[in-house]
Structure formats: structure tokens, C-alpha cells
N, C-alpha and C. Protein backbone atom coordinates (compact mmCIF):
# COMPACT_ATOMS: atom_id res chain seq x y z
N MET A 1 41.84 -68.62 -75.87
CA MET A 1 42.79 -68.88 -74.81
C MET A 1 42.03 -69.05 -73.49
N MET A 2 42.40 -70.06 -72.76
CA MET A 2 41.74 -70.36 -71.50
C MET A 2 42.73 -70.17 -70.36
N SER A 3 42.25 -69.74 -69.22
CA SER A 3 43.14 -69.59 -68.08
C SER A 3 42.52 -70.24 -66.86
N ARG A 4 43.36 -70.60 -65.93
CA ARG A 4 42.95 -71.18 -64.65
C ARG A 4 43.64 -70.41 -63.55
N THR A 5 43.01 -70.35 -62.43
CA THR A 5 43.61 -69.72 -61.26
C THR A 5 43.74 -70.77 -60.17
N VAL A 6 44.94 -70.91 -59.65
CA VAL A 6 45.18 -71.82 -58.53
C VAL A 6 46.04 -71.10 -57.51
N LYS A 7 45.90 -71.48 -56.27
CA LYS A 7 46.71 -70.87 -55.22
C LYS A 7 48.08 -71.54 -55.16
N GLY A 8 49.03 -70.75 -54.71
CA GLY A 8 50.38 -71.27 -54.57
C GLY A 8 51.15 -70.45 -53.55
N VAL A 9 52.40 -70.83 -53.34
CA VAL A 9 53.26 -70.15 -52.38
C VAL A 9 54.59 -69.88 -53.07
N TYR A 10 55.10 -68.66 -52.89
CA TYR A 10 56.44 -68.31 -53.38
C TYR A 10 57.37 -68.28 -52.19
N ARG A 11 58.40 -69.09 -52.22
CA ARG A 11 59.33 -69.15 -51.11
C ARG A 11 60.70 -69.55 -51.62
N ASN A 12 61.72 -68.84 -51.19
CA ASN A 12 63.10 -69.14 -51.58
C ASN A 12 63.28 -69.21 -53.09
N GLY A 13 62.65 -68.30 -53.80
CA GLY A 13 62.83 -68.23 -55.24
C GLY A 13 62.06 -69.25 -56.06
N GLU A 14 61.17 -70.00 -55.43
CA GLU A 14 60.40 -71.01 -56.14
C GLU A 14 58.91 -70.81 -55.90
N VAL A 15 58.12 -71.12 -56.93
CA VAL A 15 56.66 -71.09 -56.81
C VAL A 15 56.19 -72.54 -56.70
N ARG A 16 55.39 -72.80 -55.67
CA ARG A 16 54.84 -74.14 -55.48
C ARG A 16 53.32 -74.02 -55.48
N LEU A 17 52.67 -74.75 -56.38
CA LEU A 17 51.21 -74.72 -56.44
C LEU A 17 50.64 -75.55 -55.29
N LEU A 18 49.58 -75.06 -54.69
CA LEU A 18 48.94 -75.76 -53.58
C LEU A 18 47.88 -76.74 -54.06
N GLU A 19 47.57 -76.68 -55.34
CA GLU A 19 46.61 -77.62 -55.93
C GLU A 19 46.99 -77.83 -57.39
N LYS A 20 46.61 -78.97 -57.94
CA LYS A 20 46.91 -79.26 -59.33
C LYS A 20 45.75 -78.76 -60.18
N PRO A 21 46.04 -77.91 -61.18
CA PRO A 21 44.95 -77.44 -62.04
C PRO A 21 44.43 -78.60 -62.90
N GLU A 22 43.15 -78.88 -62.81
CA GLU A 22 42.56 -80.01 -63.52
C GLU A 22 42.62 -79.80 -65.02
N GLY A 23 42.99 -80.84 -65.73
CA GLY A 23 43.00 -80.81 -67.18
C GLY A 23 44.17 -80.06 -67.79
N VAL A 24 45.16 -79.71 -67.01
CA VAL A 24 46.32 -78.96 -67.51
C VAL A 24 47.57 -79.80 -67.30
N GLU A 25 48.23 -80.14 -68.40
CA GLU A 25 49.48 -80.90 -68.30
C GLU A 25 50.68 -79.96 -68.26
N ASP A 26 50.66 -78.91 -69.09
CA ASP A 26 51.72 -77.91 -69.08
C ASP A 26 51.17 -76.62 -69.67
N GLY A 27 51.86 -75.54 -69.44
CA GLY A 27 51.41 -74.26 -69.96
C GLY A 27 52.23 -73.11 -69.40
N ASP A 28 52.02 -71.96 -70.00
CA ASP A 28 52.68 -70.75 -69.52
C ASP A 28 51.94 -70.24 -68.29
N VAL A 29 52.65 -69.51 -67.45
CA VAL A 29 52.04 -68.96 -66.24
C VAL A 29 52.37 -67.48 -66.11
N VAL A 30 51.49 -66.77 -65.42
CA VAL A 30 51.72 -65.40 -64.99
C VAL A 30 51.49 -65.43 -63.48
N VAL A 31 52.46 -64.96 -62.73
CA VAL A 31 52.36 -65.02 -61.27
C VAL A 31 52.06 -63.63 -60.73
N THR A 32 50.99 -63.52 -59.95
CA THR A 32 50.65 -62.29 -59.25
C THR A 32 50.78 -62.55 -57.76
N LEU A 33 51.68 -61.85 -57.12
CA LEU A 33 51.89 -62.05 -55.69
C LEU A 33 50.90 -61.19 -54.91
N THR A 34 50.22 -61.80 -53.97
CA THR A 34 49.27 -61.09 -53.12
C THR A 34 49.66 -61.26 -51.66
N ASN A 35 49.13 -60.38 -50.83
CA ASN A 35 49.35 -60.47 -49.39
C ASN A 35 50.84 -60.51 -49.06
N LEU A 36 51.55 -59.50 -49.48
CA LEU A 36 53.00 -59.46 -49.32
C LEU A 36 53.38 -59.05 -47.91
N ARG A 37 53.15 -59.91 -46.97
CA ARG A 37 53.43 -59.62 -45.57
C ARG A 37 54.90 -59.35 -45.32
N SER A 38 55.77 -60.05 -46.05
CA SER A 38 57.20 -59.92 -45.76
C SER A 38 57.73 -58.53 -46.09
N GLU A 39 57.05 -57.79 -46.98
CA GLU A 39 57.52 -56.46 -47.34
C GLU A 39 57.02 -55.38 -46.40
N ARG A 40 56.11 -55.71 -45.54
CA ARG A 40 55.56 -54.73 -44.63
C ARG A 40 56.52 -54.48 -43.48
N ALA A 41 56.83 -53.23 -43.26
CA ALA A 41 57.73 -52.89 -42.16
C ALA A 41 57.03 -53.18 -40.83
N GLU A 42 57.81 -53.46 -39.83
CA GLU A 42 57.23 -53.75 -38.53
C GLU A 42 56.44 -52.55 -38.04
N GLY A 43 55.22 -52.80 -37.58
CA GLY A 43 54.36 -51.74 -37.10
C GLY A 43 53.57 -51.04 -38.19
N GLU A 44 53.86 -51.35 -39.45
CA GLU A 44 53.14 -50.72 -40.56
C GLU A 44 51.82 -51.45 -40.77
N SER A 45 50.73 -50.72 -40.75
CA SER A 45 49.42 -51.33 -40.90
C SER A 45 49.05 -51.47 -42.37
N LEU A 46 48.00 -52.23 -42.63
CA LEU A 46 47.51 -52.34 -44.00
C LEU A 46 47.02 -50.99 -44.50
N GLU A 47 46.49 -50.16 -43.60
CA GLU A 47 46.06 -48.81 -44.00
C GLU A 47 47.26 -47.98 -44.43
N ASP A 48 48.38 -48.12 -43.73
CA ASP A 48 49.61 -47.43 -44.16
C ASP A 48 50.00 -47.86 -45.56
N ARG A 49 49.93 -49.16 -45.83
CA ARG A 49 50.26 -49.69 -47.17
C ARG A 49 49.31 -49.13 -48.21
N ARG A 50 48.02 -49.06 -47.86
CA ARG A 50 47.01 -48.55 -48.80
C ARG A 50 47.30 -47.09 -49.14
N GLN A 51 47.61 -46.30 -48.12
CA GLN A 51 47.91 -44.89 -48.35
C GLN A 51 49.17 -44.72 -49.20
N LEU A 52 50.16 -45.55 -48.98
CA LEU A 52 51.38 -45.51 -49.78
C LEU A 52 51.08 -45.84 -51.24
N ALA A 53 50.25 -46.85 -51.47
CA ALA A 53 49.87 -47.21 -52.84
C ALA A 53 49.10 -46.08 -53.51
N LEU A 54 48.18 -45.45 -52.80
CA LEU A 54 47.42 -44.34 -53.37
C LEU A 54 48.33 -43.17 -53.73
N THR A 55 49.30 -42.89 -52.86
CA THR A 55 50.26 -41.82 -53.14
C THR A 55 51.06 -42.14 -54.39
N TRP A 56 51.51 -43.38 -54.51
CA TRP A 56 52.28 -43.80 -55.68
C TRP A 56 51.45 -43.65 -56.96
N LEU A 57 50.18 -44.08 -56.90
CA LEU A 57 49.32 -43.97 -58.09
C LEU A 57 49.08 -42.52 -58.48
N ARG A 58 48.87 -41.66 -57.49
CA ARG A 58 48.66 -40.23 -57.80
C ARG A 58 49.91 -39.62 -58.43
N ARG A 59 51.09 -39.95 -57.89
CA ARG A 59 52.34 -39.44 -58.46
C ARG A 59 52.57 -39.96 -59.87
N ALA A 60 52.06 -41.15 -60.15
CA ALA A 60 52.22 -41.75 -61.48
C ALA A 60 51.22 -41.15 -62.47
N GLY A 61 50.34 -40.26 -62.00
CA GLY A 61 49.42 -39.58 -62.89
C GLY A 61 48.03 -40.18 -62.99
N TRP A 62 47.72 -41.15 -62.15
CA TRP A 62 46.38 -41.74 -62.17
C TRP A 62 45.40 -40.78 -61.52
N ASN A 63 44.30 -40.48 -62.20
CA ASN A 63 43.26 -39.63 -61.65
C ASN A 63 42.31 -40.51 -60.86
N LEU A 64 42.36 -40.41 -59.55
CA LEU A 64 41.55 -41.26 -58.69
C LEU A 64 40.30 -40.56 -58.19
N GLY A 65 40.01 -39.38 -58.73
CA GLY A 65 38.84 -38.65 -58.28
C GLY A 65 39.07 -38.10 -56.89
N GLY A 66 37.99 -37.85 -56.19
CA GLY A 66 38.11 -37.37 -54.82
C GLY A 66 38.06 -35.86 -54.73
N ALA A 67 38.47 -35.37 -53.58
CA ALA A 67 38.40 -33.95 -53.28
C ALA A 67 39.12 -33.14 -54.34
N PRO A 68 38.78 -31.89 -54.56
CA PRO A 68 37.79 -31.13 -53.79
C PRO A 68 36.37 -31.44 -54.26
N TYR A 69 35.53 -31.74 -53.31
CA TYR A 69 34.13 -32.02 -53.60
C TYR A 69 33.36 -30.70 -53.65
N PRO A 70 32.34 -30.63 -54.51
CA PRO A 70 31.52 -29.41 -54.51
C PRO A 70 30.72 -29.32 -53.22
N THR A 71 30.44 -28.09 -52.83
CA THR A 71 29.60 -27.89 -51.64
C THR A 71 28.15 -28.18 -52.01
N ARG A 72 27.32 -28.28 -51.01
CA ARG A 72 25.89 -28.53 -51.24
C ARG A 72 25.29 -27.40 -52.08
N ASP A 73 25.67 -26.15 -51.77
CA ASP A 73 25.15 -25.02 -52.54
C ASP A 73 25.59 -25.09 -54.00
N GLU A 74 26.83 -25.47 -54.23
CA GLU A 74 27.31 -25.60 -55.61
C GLU A 74 26.53 -26.68 -56.36
N LEU A 75 26.23 -27.76 -55.70
CA LEU A 75 25.44 -28.81 -56.34
C LEU A 75 24.05 -28.30 -56.70
N HIS A 76 23.43 -27.56 -55.79
CA HIS A 76 22.08 -27.03 -56.06
C HIS A 76 22.10 -25.96 -57.15
N ASP A 77 23.18 -25.17 -57.20
CA ASP A 77 23.30 -24.16 -58.26
C ASP A 77 23.35 -24.81 -59.63
N ARG A 78 23.91 -25.98 -59.75
CA ARG A 78 24.01 -26.67 -61.02
C ARG A 78 22.65 -27.10 -61.56
N THR A 79 21.72 -27.37 -60.66
CA THR A 79 20.40 -27.88 -61.07
C THR A 79 19.41 -26.78 -61.36
N ARG A 80 19.74 -25.53 -61.10
CA ARG A 80 18.80 -24.42 -61.33
C ARG A 80 18.87 -23.95 -62.76
């Protein structure tokens, strides 16, 4: 199975490709929407969106690592 990636725009319920994929007459598509500016609340920064996504992932049970980090002494105790 071969896939191609082309840019497009979703507006008013329709997807419009910004370029024609070479060598493709027809086929199935999967649409991934990126840069969802319209969903961002006024004054909400991209950092706010990132923090919201991280919170959602943590609540969904994804282990993202991170704190609590071991102290320097704890790290040195492990190597002795």
C-alpha cells in the first residue's frame, strides 16, 4: 500500500486539495486536521493548548514520564 501526503484546506464542510497528487486518479483518504486556529479561544496561547493536551493525555492514562525526578544524591547512590 502506498500513500501520498498533500496539503489541503477544510472549509464549510468540504476538503479542497491545494495540489494534485501526481500519479493518483482516485483513492481512499484519511484527513488529519492540523493548526486548528478556529478552535482556539480568544487570548488562548499555543502553550495553553499544549498544556490542555498534556492534561488530557495524562487523564487518559498515558505515562508521559517527568517528575518526580531523582535528586543528584539519589542518582549517585544508584551507582555505588
